[in-house]
Amino acid sequence: MQSLTDMAVEVLTTADGRAKTALGRQHAADWFAARAAGTPPPIGNALPPDQPARPARPELLSPRDVPRRRVTSPIGRIALLHAVAHIELNAVDLHWDIIARFAHLPMPLGFYDDWVKAADEEAKHFNLVSDCLEALGSHYGALPAHAGMWRAAEDTAGDLHGRLAVVPMVLEARGLDVTPGMIEIFRNAGTTQAVEALEVIYAEEVAHVAYGSKWFNWLCGRDGSDPKEVFHALVRQYFHGTLKPPFNEAKRADAGLPPDFYWPLTEPLPESPRE
């Protein structure tokens, strides 16, 4: 029987976006079917690659070199959707990576249920946005993309607490802040398909942030540590910069993120006095 970490590595080593997401969705369906039957596959110990396989396109650029386009123009809206597709494909890999990379740590089966479900939904999101791009005469890979998307995974490769703090509780939480504005851009442009896709993403991303918050707090409870203090320390350690308001406080609360977790991180630490 194929282990869950074998499934994860198979997804991570598949380059093409559509093939990667199809494989991931099949593995998720198989996992949940086996769970329902009471015969889940073993977790296993297959090691993930340091970098997931990627298609030849898009060209990956430094963030400062990615062209900025006005979202009031058709090409600007295509570029925005392309950026979302790139984020979603990275999220597929991030969620399968957390399954394989930290399988040596003792975690309940519910931990794996949550991240398999999140990976499955991210695959759906990538396909929805790719469909939107194709309906507009473009496709994923047609434009350059951000090369730094995997940095959070590399920085936290040896720290599950840090991975949960930075990826779902910071990066995915940021999606809750900005997605309503994106929905309005496409609604004003009359791009119904994109509006519908982004509304699905917005609704389902709350749960992904909540999974991060749940398991971060669970780990802190097991350690006997204060989740807020640990979160602040880890974000300052691994996240490069301060958090940027405005925040979608209602949706963040739905995901289990209270304001005293993120508002203090909007300010840089005071410099130590010079001797």
C-alpha atoms as a PDB file:
ATOM      1  CA  MET A   1       0.000   0.000   0.000  1.00  0.00           C
ATOM      2  CA  GLN A   2       1.318   3.430  -0.937  1.00  0.00           C
ATOM      3  CA  SER A   3       2.035   5.544   2.139  1.00  0.00           C
ATOM      4  CA  LEU A   4       0.761   9.082   2.563  1.00  0.00           C
ATOM      5  CA  THR A   5       4.287  10.471   2.388  1.00  0.00           C
ATOM      6  CA  ASP A   6       4.857   8.504  -0.841  1.00  0.00           C
ATOM      7  CA  MET A   7       1.739  10.221  -2.222  1.00  0.00           C
ATOM      8  CA  ALA A   8       3.058  13.595  -1.091  1.00  0.00           C
ATOM      9  CA  VAL A   9       6.458  13.102  -2.723  1.00  0.00           C
ATOM     10  CA  GLU A  10       4.798  11.953  -5.931  1.00  0.00           C
ATOM     11  CA  VAL A  11       2.859  15.234  -6.072  1.00  0.00           C
ATOM     12  CA  LEU A  12       5.921  17.294  -5.174  1.00  0.00           C
ATOM     13  CA  THR A  13       8.000  15.700  -7.947  1.00  0.00           C
ATOM     14  CA  THR A  14       5.355  16.264 -10.661  1.00  0.00           C
ATOM     15  CA  ALA A  15       6.157  19.408 -12.633  1.00  0.00           C
ATOM     16  CA  ASP A  16       3.124  20.260 -14.771  1.00  0.00           C
ATOM     17  CA  GLY A  17       0.487  22.243 -12.875  1.00  0.00           C
ATOM     18  CA  ARG A  18      -2.551  20.422 -14.246  1.00  0.00           C
ATOM     19  CA  ALA A  19      -0.874  17.018 -13.787  1.00  0.00           C
ATOM     20  CA  LYS A  20       0.280  17.906 -10.264  1.00  0.00           C
ATOM     21  CA  THR A  21      -3.195  18.968  -9.191  1.00  0.00           C
ATOM     22  CA  ALA A  22      -4.910  15.979 -10.816  1.00  0.00           C
ATOM     23  CA  LEU A  23      -2.550  13.611  -9.008  1.00  0.00           C
ATOM     24  CA  GLY A  24      -2.979  15.443  -5.721  1.00  0.00           C
ATOM     25  CA  ARG A  25      -6.758  15.362  -5.982  1.00  0.00           C
ATOM     26  CA  GLN A  26      -6.707  11.631  -6.705  1.00  0.00           C
ATOM     27  CA  HIS A  27      -4.447  10.963  -3.719  1.00  0.00           C
ATOM     28  CA  ALA A  28      -6.720  13.074  -1.498  1.00  0.00           C
ATOM     29  CA  ALA A  29      -9.781  11.125  -2.661  1.00  0.00           C
ATOM     30  CA  ASP A  30      -7.964   7.841  -1.987  1.00  0.00           C
ATOM     31  CA  TRP A  31      -6.875   9.002   1.478  1.00  0.00           C
ATOM     32  CA  PHE A  32     -10.360  10.020   2.552  1.00  0.00           C
ATOM     33  CA  ALA A  33     -11.948   6.888   1.079  1.00  0.00           C
ATOM     34  CA  ALA A  34      -9.527   4.765   3.087  1.00  0.00           C
ATOM     35  CA  ARG A  35     -10.156   6.857   6.207  1.00  0.00           C
ATOM     36  CA  ALA A  36     -13.913   6.378   5.813  1.00  0.00           C
ATOM     37  CA  ALA A  37     -13.373   2.629   5.491  1.00  0.00           C
ATOM     38  CA  GLY A  38     -11.246   2.620   8.645  1.00  0.00           C
ATOM     39  CA  THR A  39      -8.128   1.490   6.769  1.00  0.00           C
ATOM     40  CA  PRO A  40      -5.965   4.586   6.295  1.00  0.00           C
ATOM     41  CA  PRO A  41      -2.635   4.123   4.508  1.00  0.00           C
ATOM     42  CA  PRO A  42       0.477   4.285   6.682  1.00  0.00           C
ATOM     43  CA  ILE A  43       1.966   7.743   7.045  1.00  0.00           C
ATOM     44  CA  GLY A  44       5.352   6.447   5.949  1.00  0.00           C
ATOM     45  CA  ASN A  45       8.689   8.228   5.879  1.00  0.00           C
ATOM     46  CA  ALA A  46       9.334   9.224   2.250  1.00  0.00           C
ATOM     47  CA  LEU A  47      11.537  12.328   2.127  1.00  0.00           C
ATOM     48  CA  PRO A  48      10.325  15.341   0.152  1.00  0.00           C
ATOM     49  CA  PRO A  49      12.619  17.185  -2.264  1.00  0.00           C
ATOM     50  CA  ASP A  50      14.152  20.468  -1.147  1.00  0.00           C
ATOM     51  CA  GLN A  51      12.363  22.146  -4.071  1.00  0.00           C
ATOM     52  CA  PRO A  52       9.176  20.909  -5.736  1.00  0.00           C
ATOM     53  CA  ALA A  53       9.213  20.162  -9.445  1.00  0.00           C
ATOM     54  CA  ARG A  54       8.117  23.107 -11.558  1.00  0.00           C
ATOM     55  CA  PRO A  55       7.074  23.510 -15.197  1.00  0.00           C
ATOM     56  CA  ALA A  56       9.450  25.250 -17.611  1.00  0.00           C
ATOM     57  CA  ARG A  57       7.088  28.214 -17.593  1.00  0.00           C
ATOM     58  CA  PRO A  58       6.428  30.626 -15.931  1.00  0.00           C
ATOM     59  CA  GLU A  59       9.820  32.267 -15.831  1.00  0.00           C
ATOM     60  CA  LEU A  60      10.596  32.919 -12.158  1.00  0.00           C
ATOM     61  CA  LEU A  61      11.908  36.387 -11.360  1.00  0.00           C
ATOM     62  CA  SER A  62      13.002  38.282  -8.284  1.00  0.00           C
ATOM     63  CA  PRO A  63       9.960  40.047  -6.784  1.00  0.00           C
ATOM     64  CA  ARG A  64      11.359  43.453  -7.766  1.00  0.00           C
ATOM     65  CA  ASP A  65      11.646  42.317 -11.403  1.00  0.00           C
ATOM     66  CA  VAL A  66       8.082  41.059 -11.834  1.00  0.00           C
ATOM     67  CA  PRO A  67       6.319  43.650 -14.045  1.00  0.00           C
ATOM     68  CA  ARG A  68       3.620  45.702 -12.323  1.00  0.00           C
ATOM     69  CA  ARG A  69       0.502  46.288 -14.380  1.00  0.00           C
ATOM     70  CA  ARG A  70      -2.594  48.364 -13.772  1.00  0.00           C
ATOM     71  CA  VAL A  71      -5.516  46.148 -12.784  1.00  0.00           C
ATOM     72  CA  THR A  72      -7.842  48.527 -14.620  1.00  0.00           C
ATOM     73  CA  SER A  73      -6.521  47.101 -17.907  1.00  0.00           C
ATOM     74  CA  PRO A  74      -7.331  43.639 -19.339  1.00  0.00           C
ATOM     75  CA  ILE A  75      -3.654  42.591 -19.276  1.00  0.00           C
ATOM     76  CA  GLY A  76      -3.415  43.820 -15.697  1.00  0.00           C
ATOM     77  CA  ARG A  77      -6.353  41.649 -14.660  1.00  0.00           C
ATOM     78  CA  ILE A  78      -4.833  38.672 -16.473  1.00  0.00           C
ATOM     79  CA  ALA A  79      -1.558  39.324 -14.629  1.00  0.00           C
ATOM     80  CA  LEU A  80      -3.439  39.415 -11.318  1.00  0.00           C
ATOM     81  CA  LEU A  81      -5.114  36.073 -12.049  1.00  0.00           C
ATOM     82  CA  HIS A  82      -1.766  34.642 -13.125  1.00  0.00           C
ATOM     83  CA  ALA A  83      -0.262  35.682  -9.797  1.00  0.00           C
ATOM     84  CA  VAL A  84      -3.147  34.012  -7.956  1.00  0.00           C
ATOM     85  CA  ALA A  85      -2.677  30.795  -9.948  1.00  0.00           C
ATOM     86  CA  HIS A  86       1.024  30.841  -9.039  1.00  0.00           C
ATOM     87  CA  ILE A  87       0.187  31.278  -5.362  1.00  0.00           C
ATOM     88  CA  GLU A  88      -2.322  28.419  -5.474  1.00  0.00           C
ATOM     89  CA  LEU A  89       0.116  26.031  -7.152  1.00  0.00           C
ATOM     90  CA  ASN A  90       2.731  26.841  -4.522  1.00  0.00           C
ATOM     91  CA  ALA A  91       0.102  26.239  -1.850  1.00  0.00           C
ATOM     92  CA  VAL A  92      -0.538  22.749  -3.250  1.00  0.00           C
ATOM     93  CA  ASP A  93       3.147  21.966  -2.780  1.00  0.00           C
ATOM     94  CA  LEU A  94       3.347  23.640   0.624  1.00  0.00           C
ATOM     95  CA  HIS A  95       0.537  21.496   2.012  1.00  0.00           C
ATOM     96  CA  TRP A  96       1.895  18.217   0.637  1.00  0.00           C
ATOM     97  CA  ASP A  97       5.347  19.250   1.857  1.00  0.00           C
ATOM     98  CA  ILE A  98       4.182  19.752   5.448  1.00  0.00           C
ATOM     99  CA  ILE A  99       2.765  16.213   5.365  1.00  0.00           C
ATOM    100  CA  ALA A 100       6.004  14.604   4.201  1.00  0.00           C
ATOM    101  CA  ARG A 101       8.594  16.893   5.802  1.00  0.00           C
ATOM    102  CA  PHE A 102       7.315  16.552   9.362  1.00  0.00           C
ATOM    103  CA  ALA A 103       6.081  12.941   9.275  1.00  0.00           C
ATOM    104  CA  HIS A 104       8.818  11.973  11.733  1.00  0.00           C
ATOM    105  CA  LEU A 105       7.036  13.969  14.435  1.00  0.00           C
ATOM    106  CA  PRO A 106       4.191  12.300  16.357  1.00  0.00           C
ATOM    107  CA  MET A 107       0.948  13.957  15.240  1.00  0.00           C
ATOM    108  CA  PRO A 108      -2.695  12.787  15.301  1.00  0.00           C
ATOM    109  CA  LEU A 109      -4.309  11.527  12.097  1.00  0.00           C
ATOM    110  CA  GLY A 110      -6.473  14.652  12.156  1.00  0.00           C
ATOM    111  CA  PHE A 111      -3.374  16.691  11.337  1.00  0.00           C
ATOM    112  CA  TYR A 112      -2.982  14.759   8.096  1.00  0.00           C
ATOM    113  CA  ASP A 113      -6.699  14.952   7.332  1.00  0.00           C
ATOM    114  CA  ASP A 114      -6.563  18.741   7.514  1.00  0.00           C
ATOM    115  CA  TRP A 115      -3.541  19.202   5.259  1.00  0.00           C
ATOM    116  CA  VAL A 116      -4.686  16.651   2.687  1.00  0.00           C
ATOM    117  CA  LYS A 117      -8.010  18.502   2.519  1.00  0.00           C
ATOM    118  CA  ALA A 118      -6.242  21.861   2.237  1.00  0.00           C
ATOM    119  CA  ALA A 119      -3.975  20.541  -0.535  1.00  0.00           C
ATOM    120  CA  ASP A 120      -7.007  19.180  -2.380  1.00  0.00           C
ATOM    121  CA  GLU A 121      -8.782  22.530  -2.175  1.00  0.00           C
ATOM    122  CA  GLU A 122      -5.679  24.419  -3.313  1.00  0.00           C
ATOM    123  CA  ALA A 123      -5.542  22.120  -6.347  1.00  0.00           C
ATOM    124  CA  LYS A 124      -9.162  22.977  -7.077  1.00  0.00           C
ATOM    125  CA  HIS A 125      -8.339  26.675  -6.723  1.00  0.00           C
ATOM    126  CA  PHE A 126      -5.418  26.432  -9.153  1.00  0.00           C
ATOM    127  CA  ASN A 127      -7.640  24.766 -11.722  1.00  0.00           C
ATOM    128  CA  LEU A 128     -10.422  27.317 -11.284  1.00  0.00           C
ATOM    129  CA  VAL A 129      -8.044  30.229 -11.825  1.00  0.00           C
ATOM    130  CA  SER A 130      -6.301  28.474 -14.717  1.00  0.00           C
ATOM    131  CA  ASP A 131      -9.711  28.029 -16.332  1.00  0.00           C
ATOM    132  CA  CYS A 132     -10.291  31.777 -15.938  1.00  0.00           C
ATOM    133  CA  LEU A 133      -6.960  32.562 -17.586  1.00  0.00           C
ATOM    134  CA  GLU A 134      -7.739  30.282 -20.507  1.00  0.00           C
ATOM    135  CA  ALA A 135     -11.188  31.839 -20.924  1.00  0.00           C
ATOM    136  CA  LEU A 136      -9.417  35.210 -21.250  1.00  0.00           C
ATOM    137  CA  GLY A 137      -7.047  33.881 -23.920  1.00  0.00           C
ATOM    138  CA  SER A 138      -4.062  33.269 -21.629  1.00  0.00           C
ATOM    139  CA  HIS A 139      -2.749  30.390 -19.522  1.00  0.00           C
ATOM    140  CA  TYR A 140      -0.619  29.676 -16.468  1.00  0.00           C
ATOM    141  CA  GLY A 141       2.989  30.115 -17.526  1.00  0.00           C
ATOM    142  CA  ALA A 142       2.291  32.877 -20.043  1.00  0.00           C
ATOM    143  CA  LEU A 143       3.694  35.579 -17.735  1.00  0.00           C
ATOM    144  CA  PRO A 144       6.671  35.723 -15.354  1.00  0.00           C
ATOM    145  CA  ALA A 145       6.069  34.959 -11.690  1.00  0.00           C
ATOM    146  CA  HIS A 146       7.496  35.543  -8.230  1.00  0.00           C
ATOM    147  CA  ALA A 147      10.573  33.376  -7.521  1.00  0.00           C
ATOM    148  CA  GLY A 148      10.408  33.798  -3.750  1.00  0.00           C
ATOM    149  CA  MET A 149       7.256  31.793  -3.081  1.00  0.00           C
ATOM    150  CA  TRP A 150       9.126  28.762  -1.733  1.00  0.00           C
ATOM    151  CA  ARG A 151      11.335  30.767   0.625  1.00  0.00           C
ATOM    152  CA  ALA A 152       9.051  30.272   3.636  1.00  0.00           C
ATOM    153  CA  ALA A 153       9.220  26.506   3.120  1.00  0.00           C
ATOM    154  CA  GLU A 154      13.011  26.563   2.932  1.00  0.00           C
ATOM    155  CA  ASP A 155      13.349  28.800   5.982  1.00  0.00           C
ATOM    156  CA  THR A 156      11.090  26.580   8.118  1.00  0.00           C
ATOM    157  CA  ALA A 157      12.148  23.169   6.785  1.00  0.00           C
ATOM    158  CA  GLY A 158      13.314  22.075  10.222  1.00  0.00           C
ATOM    159  CA  ASP A 159      10.650  23.749  12.360  1.00  0.00           C
ATOM    160  CA  LEU A 160       6.991  22.681  12.302  1.00  0.00           C
ATOM    161  CA  HIS A 161       5.992  25.469  14.679  1.00  0.00           C
ATOM    162  CA  GLY A 162       7.656  27.958  12.352  1.00  0.00           C
ATOM    163  CA  ARG A 163       6.048  26.469   9.245  1.00  0.00           C
ATOM    164  CA  LEU A 164       2.563  26.754  10.761  1.00  0.00           C
ATOM    165  CA  ALA A 165       3.222  30.282  11.996  1.00  0.00           C
ATOM    166  CA  VAL A 166       4.540  31.655   8.704  1.00  0.00           C
ATOM    167  CA  VAL A 167       2.636  29.781   5.990  1.00  0.00           C
ATOM    168  CA  PRO A 168      -1.011  29.470   7.076  1.00  0.00           C
ATOM    169  CA  MET A 169      -1.047  32.025   9.909  1.00  0.00           C
ATOM    170  CA  VAL A 170       0.794  34.829   8.052  1.00  0.00           C
ATOM    171  CA  LEU A 171       0.917  34.200   4.303  1.00  0.00           C
ATOM    172  CA  GLU A 172      -2.494  32.562   3.876  1.00  0.00           C
ATOM    173  CA  ALA A 173      -4.041  34.956   6.372  1.00  0.00           C
ATOM    174  CA  ARG A 174      -2.892  37.762   4.089  1.00  0.00           C
ATOM    175  CA  GLY A 175      -5.076  36.241   1.411  1.00  0.00           C
ATOM    176  CA  LEU A 176      -8.095  36.850   3.636  1.00  0.00           C
ATOM    177  CA  ASP A 177      -7.147  40.540   3.703  1.00  0.00           C
ATOM    178  CA  VAL A 178      -6.677  41.090  -0.037  1.00  0.00           C
ATOM    179  CA  THR A 179      -9.133  38.739  -1.744  1.00  0.00           C
ATOM    180  CA  PRO A 180     -12.259  40.890  -1.203  1.00  0.00           C
ATOM    181  CA  GLY A 181     -10.561  43.728  -3.088  1.00  0.00           C
ATOM    182  CA  MET A 182      -9.669  41.383  -5.938  1.00  0.00           C
ATOM    183  CA  ILE A 183     -13.253  40.172  -6.135  1.00  0.00           C
ATOM    184  CA  GLU A 184     -14.406  43.779  -6.541  1.00  0.00           C
ATOM    185  CA  ILE A 185     -11.891  44.398  -9.335  1.00  0.00           C
ATOM    186  CA  PHE A 186     -13.311  41.529 -11.395  1.00  0.00           C
ATOM    187  CA  ARG A 187     -16.895  42.304 -10.442  1.00  0.00           C
ATOM    188  CA  ASN A 188     -16.444  45.872 -11.706  1.00  0.00           C
ATOM    189  CA  ALA A 189     -14.927  44.489 -14.914  1.00  0.00           C
ATOM    190  CA  GLY A 190     -17.877  42.138 -15.411  1.00  0.00           C
ATOM    191  CA  THR A 191     -15.636  39.040 -15.301  1.00  0.00           C
ATOM    192  CA  THR A 192     -18.144  36.707 -13.669  1.00  0.00           C
ATOM    193  CA  GLN A 193     -16.047  33.539 -13.930  1.00  0.00           C
ATOM    194  CA  ALA A 194     -13.170  35.149 -12.035  1.00  0.00           C
ATOM    195  CA  VAL A 195     -15.530  36.511  -9.375  1.00  0.00           C
ATOM    196  CA  GLU A 196     -16.980  33.042  -8.807  1.00  0.00           C
ATOM    197  CA  ALA A 197     -13.532  31.439  -8.613  1.00  0.00           C
ATOM    198  CA  LEU A 198     -12.235  34.016  -6.136  1.00  0.00           C
ATOM    199  CA  GLU A 199     -15.344  33.676  -3.976  1.00  0.00           C
ATOM    200  CA  VAL A 200     -14.689  29.925  -3.697  1.00  0.00           C
ATOM    201  CA  ILE A 201     -11.073  30.603  -2.764  1.00  0.00           C
ATOM    202  CA  TYR A 202     -12.061  33.253  -0.206  1.00  0.00           C
ATOM    203  CA  ALA A 203     -14.560  30.941   1.488  1.00  0.00           C
ATOM    204  CA  GLU A 204     -12.218  27.964   1.688  1.00  0.00           C
ATOM    205  CA  GLU A 205      -9.021  29.770   2.668  1.00  0.00           C
ATOM    206  CA  VAL A 206     -10.501  30.594   6.088  1.00  0.00           C
ATOM    207  CA  ALA A 207     -10.303  26.898   6.960  1.00  0.00           C
ATOM    208  CA  HIS A 208      -6.677  26.665   5.830  1.00  0.00           C
ATOM    209  CA  VAL A 209      -5.684  29.503   8.148  1.00  0.00           C
ATOM    210  CA  ALA A 210      -7.742  27.822  10.868  1.00  0.00           C
ATOM    211  CA  TYR A 211      -5.857  24.539  10.398  1.00  0.00           C
ATOM    212  CA  GLY A 212      -2.617  26.404  10.954  1.00  0.00           C
ATOM    213  CA  SER A 213      -3.943  28.129  14.051  1.00  0.00           C
ATOM    214  CA  LYS A 214      -5.422  24.897  15.444  1.00  0.00           C
ATOM    215  CA  TRP A 215      -2.274  22.834  15.101  1.00  0.00           C
ATOM    216  CA  PHE A 216       0.018  25.662  16.191  1.00  0.00           C
ATOM    217  CA  ASN A 217      -1.976  26.058  19.383  1.00  0.00           C
ATOM    218  CA  TRP A 218      -2.083  22.276  19.820  1.00  0.00           C
ATOM    219  CA  LEU A 219       1.704  22.046  19.590  1.00  0.00           C
ATOM    220  CA  CYS A 220       2.144  24.925  22.026  1.00  0.00           C
ATOM    221  CA  GLY A 221      -0.279  23.226  24.409  1.00  0.00           C
ATOM    222  CA  ARG A 222       1.718  20.028  24.201  1.00  0.00           C
ATOM    223  CA  ASP A 223       4.915  22.006  24.856  1.00  0.00           C
ATOM    224  CA  GLY A 224       3.364  24.020  27.694  1.00  0.00           C
ATOM    225  CA  SER A 225       4.305  27.273  25.943  1.00  0.00           C
ATOM    226  CA  ASP A 226       2.358  30.495  25.358  1.00  0.00           C
ATOM    227  CA  PRO A 227       1.082  30.437  21.726  1.00  0.00           C
ATOM    228  CA  LYS A 228       1.091  34.217  21.316  1.00  0.00           C
ATOM    229  CA  GLU A 229       4.648  34.640  22.555  1.00  0.00           C
ATOM    230  CA  VAL A 230       5.894  31.740  20.442  1.00  0.00           C
ATOM    231  CA  PHE A 231       4.055  33.063  17.378  1.00  0.00           C
ATOM    232  CA  HIS A 232       5.573  36.529  17.738  1.00  0.00           C
ATOM    233  CA  ALA A 233       9.071  35.095  18.146  1.00  0.00           C
ATOM    234  CA  LEU A 234       8.766  32.752  15.155  1.00  0.00           C
ATOM    235  CA  VAL A 235       7.299  35.345  12.804  1.00  0.00           C
ATOM    236  CA  ARG A 236      10.083  37.760  13.691  1.00  0.00           C
ATOM    237  CA  GLN A 237      12.588  34.953  13.106  1.00  0.00           C
ATOM    238  CA  TYR A 238      11.285  33.611   9.799  1.00  0.00           C
ATOM    239  CA  PHE A 239       9.131  36.294   8.171  1.00  0.00           C
ATOM    240  CA  HIS A 240      11.118  38.929   6.348  1.00  0.00           C
ATOM    241  CA  GLY A 241       9.527  42.225   7.318  1.00  0.00           C
ATOM    242  CA  THR A 242       6.585  43.473   9.332  1.00  0.00           C
ATOM    243  CA  LEU A 243       2.920  42.586   8.796  1.00  0.00           C
ATOM    244  CA  LYS A 244       0.977  45.142   6.773  1.00  0.00           C
ATOM    245  CA  PRO A 245      -2.536  46.355   7.662  1.00  0.00           C
ATOM    246  CA  PRO A 246      -5.363  46.687   6.856  1.00  0.00           C
ATOM    247  CA  PHE A 247      -6.442  43.332   8.233  1.00  0.00           C
ATOM    248  CA  ASN A 248      -9.679  41.442   7.657  1.00  0.00           C
ATOM    249  CA  GLU A 249     -10.266  41.093  11.371  1.00  0.00           C
ATOM    250  CA  ALA A 250     -13.619  39.313  11.050  1.00  0.00           C
ATOM    251  CA  LYS A 251     -12.294  36.533   8.814  1.00  0.00           C
ATOM    252  CA  ARG A 252      -9.086  36.267  10.809  1.00  0.00           C
ATOM    253  CA  ALA A 253     -11.205  35.793  13.934  1.00  0.00           C
ATOM    254  CA  ASP A 254     -13.199  33.079  12.145  1.00  0.00           C
ATOM    255  CA  ALA A 255      -9.860  31.351  11.501  1.00  0.00           C
ATOM    256  CA  GLY A 256      -8.791  31.556  15.144  1.00  0.00           C
ATOM    257  CA  LEU A 257      -6.400  34.517  14.819  1.00  0.00           C
ATOM    258  CA  PRO A 258      -7.102  37.175  17.469  1.00  0.00           C
ATOM    259  CA  PRO A 259      -5.838  40.741  16.906  1.00  0.00           C
ATOM    260  CA  ASP A 260      -3.174  40.539  19.621  1.00  0.00           C
ATOM    261  CA  PHE A 261      -1.420  37.885  17.540  1.00  0.00           C
ATOM    262  CA  TYR A 262      -0.838  40.038  14.466  1.00  0.00           C
ATOM    263  CA  TRP A 263      -1.161  43.744  15.332  1.00  0.00           C
ATOM    264  CA  PRO A 264       2.065  43.814  17.438  1.00  0.00           C
ATOM    265  CA  LEU A 265       3.923  42.471  14.391  1.00  0.00           C
ATOM    266  CA  THR A 266       3.115  45.575  12.346  1.00  0.00           C
ATOM    267  CA  GLU A 267       5.837  47.479  14.204  1.00  0.00           C
ATOM    268  CA  PRO A 268       9.559  46.784  13.861  1.00  0.00           C
ATOM    269  CA  LEU A 269      11.421  45.821  16.995  1.00  0.00           C
ATOM    270  CA  PRO A 270      13.128  48.801  18.636  1.00  0.00           C
ATOM    271  CA  GLU A 271      16.835  48.957  17.953  1.00  0.00           C
ATOM    272  CA  SER A 272      19.098  48.063  20.826  1.00  0.00           C
ATOM    273  CA  PRO A 273      20.789  51.111  22.330  1.00  0.00           C
ATOM    274  CA  ARG A 274      24.345  51.577  21.143  1.00  0.00           C
ATOM    275  CA  GLU A 275      27.030  51.357  23.735  1.00  0.00           C
END
